């Protein structure tokens, strides 16, 4: 997670360099002495920083997602091995809660949401 923050800051620095290159280019044109080398250097450096940071963010996010998938798969495997997948919550989407019959539902007077006490 720390890596994503550093990469986001790097990407922001690249954007600042691009903005600076644009501002210097416009100011030097208005002054009548265009600084092409300085503008191009800052612009290219800003573009490279943003490109590398974006690539790094994608790679880091993919790696983090893979880690989460592995943990979820491990937890599912442990549950199946512990109870053979026979728990009451298996595949019900209830998370171990018992289901509600139509008479159990209540409607809140403050909101339009219906709730089940189970």
N, C-alpha and C. Protein backbone atom coordinates (compact mmCIF):
# COMPACT_ATOMS: atom_id res chain seq x y z
N UNK A 1 0.82 -1.19 0.00
CA UNK A 1 0.00 0.00 0.00
C UNK A 1 0.87 1.26 0.00
N UNK A 2 1.97 1.23 0.72
CA UNK A 2 2.86 2.38 0.78
C UNK A 2 3.39 2.73 -0.61
N UNK A 3 3.63 1.70 -1.41
CA UNK A 3 4.17 1.90 -2.76
C UNK A 3 3.18 2.70 -3.61
N UNK A 4 1.89 2.43 -3.45
CA UNK A 4 0.90 3.16 -4.24
C UNK A 4 0.91 4.65 -3.91
N UNK A 5 1.14 4.99 -2.65
CA UNK A 5 1.22 6.40 -2.26
C UNK A 5 2.42 7.10 -2.87
N UNK A 6 3.55 6.41 -2.85
CA UNK A 6 4.77 6.98 -3.45
C UNK A 6 4.58 7.17 -4.95
N UNK A 7 3.97 6.19 -5.58
CA UNK A 7 3.75 6.29 -7.02
C UNK A 7 2.75 7.40 -7.35
N UNK A 8 1.75 7.59 -6.51
CA UNK A 8 0.80 8.68 -6.73
C UNK A 8 1.49 10.04 -6.60
N UNK A 9 2.40 10.15 -5.63
CA UNK A 9 3.15 11.40 -5.47
C UNK A 9 4.07 11.64 -6.67
N UNK A 10 4.67 10.57 -7.19
CA UNK A 10 5.53 10.68 -8.36
C UNK A 10 4.72 11.12 -9.57
N UNK A 11 3.54 10.56 -9.70
CA UNK A 11 2.67 10.93 -10.81
C UNK A 11 2.26 12.40 -10.70
N UNK A 12 2.00 12.87 -9.49
CA UNK A 12 1.65 14.28 -9.28
C UNK A 12 2.83 15.19 -9.60
N UNK A 13 4.03 14.75 -9.24
CA UNK A 13 5.23 15.54 -9.57
C UNK A 13 5.40 15.64 -11.08
N UNK A 14 5.11 14.58 -11.78
CA UNK A 14 5.17 14.62 -13.24
C UNK A 14 4.18 15.62 -13.81
N UNK A 15 2.99 15.67 -13.23
CA UNK A 15 1.99 16.63 -13.68
C UNK A 15 2.45 18.06 -13.41
N UNK A 16 3.10 18.27 -12.27
CA UNK A 16 3.62 19.60 -11.95
C UNK A 16 4.69 20.00 -12.96
N UNK A 17 5.56 19.08 -13.33
CA UNK A 17 6.59 19.37 -14.33
C UNK A 17 5.98 19.70 -15.68
N UNK A 18 4.94 18.98 -16.06
CA UNK A 18 4.26 19.29 -17.33
C UNK A 18 3.63 20.69 -17.29
N UNK A 19 3.00 21.01 -16.17
CA UNK A 19 2.40 22.35 -16.03
C UNK A 19 3.46 23.43 -16.05
N UNK A 20 4.58 23.16 -15.41
CA UNK A 20 5.67 24.14 -15.40
C UNK A 20 6.21 24.33 -16.81
N UNK A 21 6.37 23.25 -17.55
CA UNK A 21 6.87 23.35 -18.91
C UNK A 21 5.92 24.19 -19.76
N UNK A 22 4.63 23.97 -19.59
CA UNK A 22 3.64 24.74 -20.34
C UNK A 22 3.69 26.21 -19.95
N UNK A 23 3.79 26.48 -18.65
CA UNK A 23 3.84 27.88 -18.19
C UNK A 23 5.10 28.58 -18.67
N UNK A 24 6.24 27.92 -18.59
CA UNK A 24 7.50 28.52 -19.05
C UNK A 24 7.45 28.74 -20.56
N UNK A 25 6.87 27.79 -21.28
CA UNK A 25 6.77 27.95 -22.73
C UNK A 25 5.92 29.14 -23.11
N UNK A 26 4.78 29.30 -22.45
CA UNK A 26 3.90 30.44 -22.75
C UNK A 26 4.57 31.75 -22.35
N UNK A 27 5.19 31.77 -21.16
CA UNK A 27 5.85 33.00 -20.69
C UNK A 27 7.02 33.39 -21.59
N UNK A 28 7.80 32.39 -22.03
CA UNK A 28 8.96 32.71 -22.88
C UNK A 28 8.50 33.18 -24.26
N UNK A 29 7.39 32.66 -24.76
CA UNK A 29 6.86 33.16 -26.03
C UNK A 29 6.36 34.59 -25.89
N UNK A 30 5.71 34.87 -24.75
CA UNK A 30 5.22 36.23 -24.52
C UNK A 30 6.36 37.22 -24.36
N UNK A 31 7.49 36.77 -23.80
CA UNK A 31 8.64 37.65 -23.61
C UNK A 31 9.45 37.82 -24.89
N UNK A 32 9.20 36.96 -25.85
CA UNK A 32 9.90 37.08 -27.13
C UNK A 32 11.19 36.28 -27.21
N UNK A 33 11.52 35.54 -26.18
CA UNK A 33 12.74 34.71 -26.20
C UNK A 33 12.38 33.29 -25.80
N UNK A 34 11.91 32.47 -26.73
CA UNK A 34 11.48 31.11 -26.40
C UNK A 34 12.63 30.24 -25.87
N UNK A 35 12.39 29.58 -24.75
CA UNK A 35 13.37 28.68 -24.13
C UNK A 35 12.97 27.24 -24.48
N UNK A 36 13.27 26.83 -25.69
CA UNK A 36 12.82 25.53 -26.19
C UNK A 36 13.46 24.39 -25.41
N UNK A 37 14.74 24.48 -25.14
CA UNK A 37 15.45 23.39 -24.45
C UNK A 37 14.88 23.15 -23.04
N UNK A 38 14.66 24.20 -22.30
CA UNK A 38 14.12 24.08 -20.95
C UNK A 38 12.70 23.53 -20.94
N UNK A 39 11.89 24.01 -21.88
CA UNK A 39 10.51 23.56 -21.97
C UNK A 39 10.46 22.08 -22.34
N UNK A 40 11.24 21.69 -23.33
CA UNK A 40 11.25 20.29 -23.74
C UNK A 40 11.79 19.37 -22.64
N UNK A 41 12.84 19.81 -21.94
CA UNK A 41 13.40 18.98 -20.87
C UNK A 41 12.37 18.75 -19.77
N UNK A 42 11.74 19.81 -19.30
CA UNK A 42 10.73 19.67 -18.24
C UNK A 42 9.53 18.87 -18.72
N UNK A 43 9.10 19.10 -19.94
CA UNK A 43 7.96 18.38 -20.48
C UNK A 43 8.23 16.90 -20.64
N UNK A 44 9.40 16.55 -21.17
CA UNK A 44 9.74 15.14 -21.36
C UNK A 44 9.93 14.45 -20.01
N UNK A 45 10.58 15.12 -19.07
CA UNK A 45 10.77 14.54 -17.74
C UNK A 45 9.42 14.32 -17.04
N UNK A 46 8.53 15.29 -17.15
CA UNK A 46 7.20 15.16 -16.56
C UNK A 46 6.41 14.01 -17.18
N UNK A 47 6.51 13.88 -18.49
CA UNK A 47 5.83 12.80 -19.18
C UNK A 47 6.37 11.44 -18.76
N UNK A 48 7.69 11.33 -18.66
CA UNK A 48 8.31 10.07 -18.23
C UNK A 48 7.91 9.71 -16.81
N UNK A 49 7.92 10.69 -15.91
CA UNK A 49 7.51 10.43 -14.52
C UNK A 49 6.08 9.93 -14.45
N UNK A 50 5.17 10.59 -15.16
CA UNK A 50 3.77 10.18 -15.14
C UNK A 50 3.58 8.79 -15.74
N UNK A 51 4.29 8.51 -16.83
CA UNK A 51 4.15 7.21 -17.49
C UNK A 51 4.67 6.09 -16.60
N UNK A 52 5.85 6.27 -16.03
CA UNK A 52 6.42 5.24 -15.16
C UNK A 52 5.59 5.05 -13.89
N UNK A 53 5.08 6.14 -13.34
CA UNK A 53 4.26 6.03 -12.13
C UNK A 53 2.94 5.32 -12.43
N UNK A 54 2.34 5.62 -13.58
CA UNK A 54 1.09 4.95 -13.94
C UNK A 54 1.32 3.45 -14.13
N UNK A 55 2.41 3.09 -14.79
CA UNK A 55 2.74 1.67 -14.97
C UNK A 55 2.97 1.01 -13.62
N UNK A 56 3.72 1.67 -12.74
CA UNK A 56 3.99 1.13 -11.42
C UNK A 56 2.73 0.96 -10.59
N UNK A 57 1.79 1.92 -10.69
CA UNK A 57 0.53 1.80 -9.96
C UNK A 57 -0.28 0.61 -10.45
N UNK A 58 -0.32 0.40 -11.75
CA UNK A 58 -1.05 -0.74 -12.29
C UNK A 58 -0.42 -2.05 -11.84
N UNK A 59 0.90 -2.12 -11.87
CA UNK A 59 1.59 -3.35 -11.46
C UNK A 59 1.39 -3.62 -9.97
N UNK A 60 1.50 -2.58 -9.14
CA UNK A 60 1.33 -2.75 -7.70
C UNK A 60 -0.11 -3.13 -7.36
N UNK A 61 -1.07 -2.51 -8.03
CA UNK A 61 -2.48 -2.83 -7.78
C UNK A 61 -2.79 -4.26 -8.18
N UNK A 62 -2.23 -4.71 -9.29
CA UNK A 62 -2.45 -6.10 -9.72
C UNK A 62 -1.86 -7.07 -8.71
N UNK A 63 -0.69 -6.74 -8.18
CA UNK A 63 -0.05 -7.61 -7.19
C UNK A 63 -0.86 -7.64 -5.89
N UNK A 64 -1.38 -6.49 -5.47
CA UNK A 64 -2.21 -6.45 -4.27
C UNK A 64 -3.50 -7.25 -4.47
N UNK A 65 -4.10 -7.12 -5.64
CA UNK A 65 -5.33 -7.88 -5.93
C UNK A 65 -5.06 -9.38 -5.92
N UNK A 66 -3.91 -9.77 -6.43
CA UNK A 66 -3.55 -11.18 -6.42
C UNK A 66 -3.42 -11.70 -4.99
N UNK A 67 -2.82 -10.89 -4.12
CA UNK A 67 -2.69 -11.27 -2.72
C UNK A 67 -4.04 -11.44 -2.03
N UNK A 68 -4.97 -10.55 -2.34
CA UNK A 68 -6.31 -10.65 -1.76
C UNK A 68 -7.01 -11.90 -2.26
N UNK A 69 -6.89 -12.19 -3.55
CA UNK A 69 -7.50 -13.40 -4.11
C UNK A 69 -6.94 -14.65 -3.43
N UNK A 70 -5.63 -14.66 -3.22
CA UNK A 70 -5.01 -15.82 -2.58
C UNK A 70 -5.55 -16.02 -1.16
N UNK A 71 -5.71 -14.93 -0.42
CA UNK A 71 -6.23 -15.03 0.95
C UNK A 71 -7.69 -15.51 0.95
N UNK A 72 -8.49 -15.01 0.01
CA UNK A 72 -9.88 -15.44 -0.07
C UNK A 72 -9.98 -16.92 -0.44
N UNK A 73 -9.17 -17.34 -1.37
CA UNK A 73 -9.18 -18.75 -1.75
C UNK A 73 -8.73 -19.64 -0.60
N UNK A 74 -7.72 -19.18 0.13
CA UNK A 74 -7.24 -19.95 1.28
C UNK A 74 -8.34 -20.07 2.34
N UNK A 75 -9.04 -18.96 2.60
CA UNK A 75 -10.12 -18.99 3.60
C UNK A 75 -11.24 -19.92 3.16
N UNK A 76 -11.58 -19.89 1.87
CA UNK A 76 -12.63 -20.79 1.37
C UNK A 76 -12.20 -22.24 1.47
N UNK A 77 -10.94 -22.52 1.17
CA UNK A 77 -10.44 -23.89 1.26
C UNK A 77 -10.45 -24.37 2.70
N UNK A 78 -10.03 -23.53 3.63
CA UNK A 78 -10.02 -23.90 5.05
C UNK A 78 -11.44 -24.20 5.52
N UNK A 79 -12.41 -23.37 5.11
CA UNK A 79 -13.80 -23.60 5.50
C UNK A 79 -14.31 -24.93 4.96
N UNK A 80 -14.02 -25.20 3.71
CA UNK A 80 -14.49 -26.45 3.11
C UNK A 80 -13.82 -27.65 3.78
N UNK A 81 -12.54 -27.53 4.08
CA UNK A 81 -11.85 -28.63 4.74
C UNK A 81 -12.32 -28.83 6.17
N UNK A 82 -12.71 -27.73 6.84
CA UNK A 82 -13.18 -27.84 8.23
C UNK A 82 -14.55 -28.50 8.33
N UNK A 83 -15.49 -28.09 7.48
CA UNK A 83 -16.85 -28.63 7.62
C UNK A 83 -17.37 -29.31 6.36
N UNK A 84 -16.52 -29.53 5.40
CA UNK A 84 -16.94 -30.21 4.19
C UNK A 84 -17.87 -29.38 3.33
N UNK A 85 -17.94 -28.07 3.59
CA UNK A 85 -18.80 -27.19 2.82
C UNK A 85 -20.27 -27.36 3.18
N UNK A 86 -20.56 -27.92 4.35
CA UNK A 86 -21.94 -28.20 4.73
C UNK A 86 -22.54 -27.15 5.67
N UNK A 87 -21.87 -26.05 5.89
CA UNK A 87 -22.42 -25.06 6.82
C UNK A 87 -23.70 -24.46 6.25
N UNK A 88 -24.52 -23.90 7.14
CA UNK A 88 -25.81 -23.34 6.71
C UNK A 88 -25.62 -22.12 5.82
N UNK A 89 -24.48 -21.46 5.92
CA UNK A 89 -24.25 -20.25 5.13
C UNK A 89 -23.70 -20.55 3.75
N UNK A 90 -23.37 -21.79 3.47
CA UNK A 90 -22.73 -22.12 2.19
C UNK A 90 -23.64 -21.80 1.02
N UNK A 91 -23.27 -20.83 0.25
CA UNK A 91 -23.99 -20.48 -0.96
C UNK A 91 -25.30 -19.76 -0.75
N UNK A 92 -25.69 -19.46 0.49
CA UNK A 92 -26.98 -18.82 0.72
C UNK A 92 -26.90 -17.31 0.62
N UNK A 93 -25.68 -16.77 0.74
CA UNK A 93 -25.54 -15.32 0.74
C UNK A 93 -26.00 -14.68 2.02
N UNK A 94 -26.31 -15.48 3.03
CA UNK A 94 -26.81 -14.97 4.30
C UNK A 94 -25.70 -14.76 5.32
N UNK A 95 -24.52 -15.29 5.08
CA UNK A 95 -23.42 -15.12 6.02
C UNK A 95 -23.69 -15.78 7.36
N UNK A 96 -24.40 -16.90 7.39
CA UNK A 96 -24.68 -17.61 8.62
C UNK A 96 -25.95 -17.17 9.31
N UNK A 97 -26.64 -16.17 8.78
CA UNK A 97 -27.90 -15.71 9.38
C UNK A 97 -29.04 -16.58 8.86
N UNK A 98 -30.07 -16.71 9.68
CA UNK A 98 -31.22 -17.47 9.19
C UNK A 98 -32.06 -16.55 8.31
N UNK A 99 -32.78 -17.11 7.39
CA UNK A 99 -33.56 -16.29 6.47
C UNK A 99 -34.82 -15.78 7.14
N UNK A 100 -35.37 -14.72 6.58
CA UNK A 100 -36.56 -14.09 7.14
C UNK A 100 -37.79 -14.55 6.37
N UNK A 101 -38.86 -14.77 7.11
CA UNK A 101 -40.14 -15.04 6.47
C UNK A 101 -40.82 -13.70 6.23
N UNK A 102 -41.85 -13.67 5.39
CA UNK A 102 -42.49 -12.38 5.08
C UNK A 102 -42.98 -11.62 6.30
N UNK A 103 -43.39 -12.30 7.36
CA UNK A 103 -43.89 -11.61 8.55
C UNK A 103 -42.79 -10.99 9.40
N UNK A 104 -41.52 -11.37 9.16
CA UNK A 104 -40.40 -10.84 9.95
C UNK A 104 -39.95 -9.46 9.49
N UNK A 105 -40.29 -9.05 8.30
CA UNK A 105 -39.80 -7.80 7.73
C UNK A 105 -40.50 -6.61 8.36
N UNK A 106 -39.74 -5.55 8.60
CA UNK A 106 -40.30 -4.30 9.10
C UNK A 106 -39.88 -3.17 8.17
N UNK A 107 -40.72 -2.17 8.06
CA UNK A 107 -40.41 -1.02 7.23
C UNK A 107 -40.18 0.16 8.16
N UNK A 108 -39.04 0.82 8.00
CA UNK A 108 -38.72 1.97 8.83
C UNK A 108 -39.57 3.16 8.42
N UNK A 109 -40.02 3.93 9.41
CA UNK A 109 -40.81 5.12 9.09
C UNK A 109 -39.93 6.28 8.66
N UNK A 110 -38.64 6.22 9.00
CA UNK A 110 -37.73 7.30 8.62
C UNK A 110 -37.14 7.10 7.23
N UNK A 111 -37.03 5.88 6.79
CA UNK A 111 -36.45 5.60 5.46
C UNK A 111 -37.40 4.68 4.71
N UNK A 112 -37.06 4.42 3.48
CA UNK A 112 -37.88 3.51 2.68
C UNK A 112 -37.27 2.12 2.66
N UNK A 113 -36.37 1.83 3.59
CA UNK A 113 -35.70 0.55 3.59
C UNK A 113 -36.45 -0.46 4.44
N UNK A 114 -36.51 -1.68 3.95
CA UNK A 114 -37.09 -2.77 4.72
C UNK A 114 -35.96 -3.52 5.40
N UNK A 115 -36.18 -3.94 6.63
CA UNK A 115 -35.14 -4.64 7.35
C UNK A 115 -35.67 -5.94 7.93
N UNK A 116 -34.76 -6.87 8.09
CA UNK A 116 -35.08 -8.15 8.72
C UNK A 116 -34.29 -8.21 10.02
N UNK A 117 -34.91 -8.58 11.14
CA UNK A 117 -34.20 -8.57 12.41
C UNK A 117 -33.19 -9.71 12.55
N UNK A 118 -33.15 -10.62 11.61
CA UNK A 118 -32.25 -11.78 11.75
C UNK A 118 -30.99 -11.56 11.02
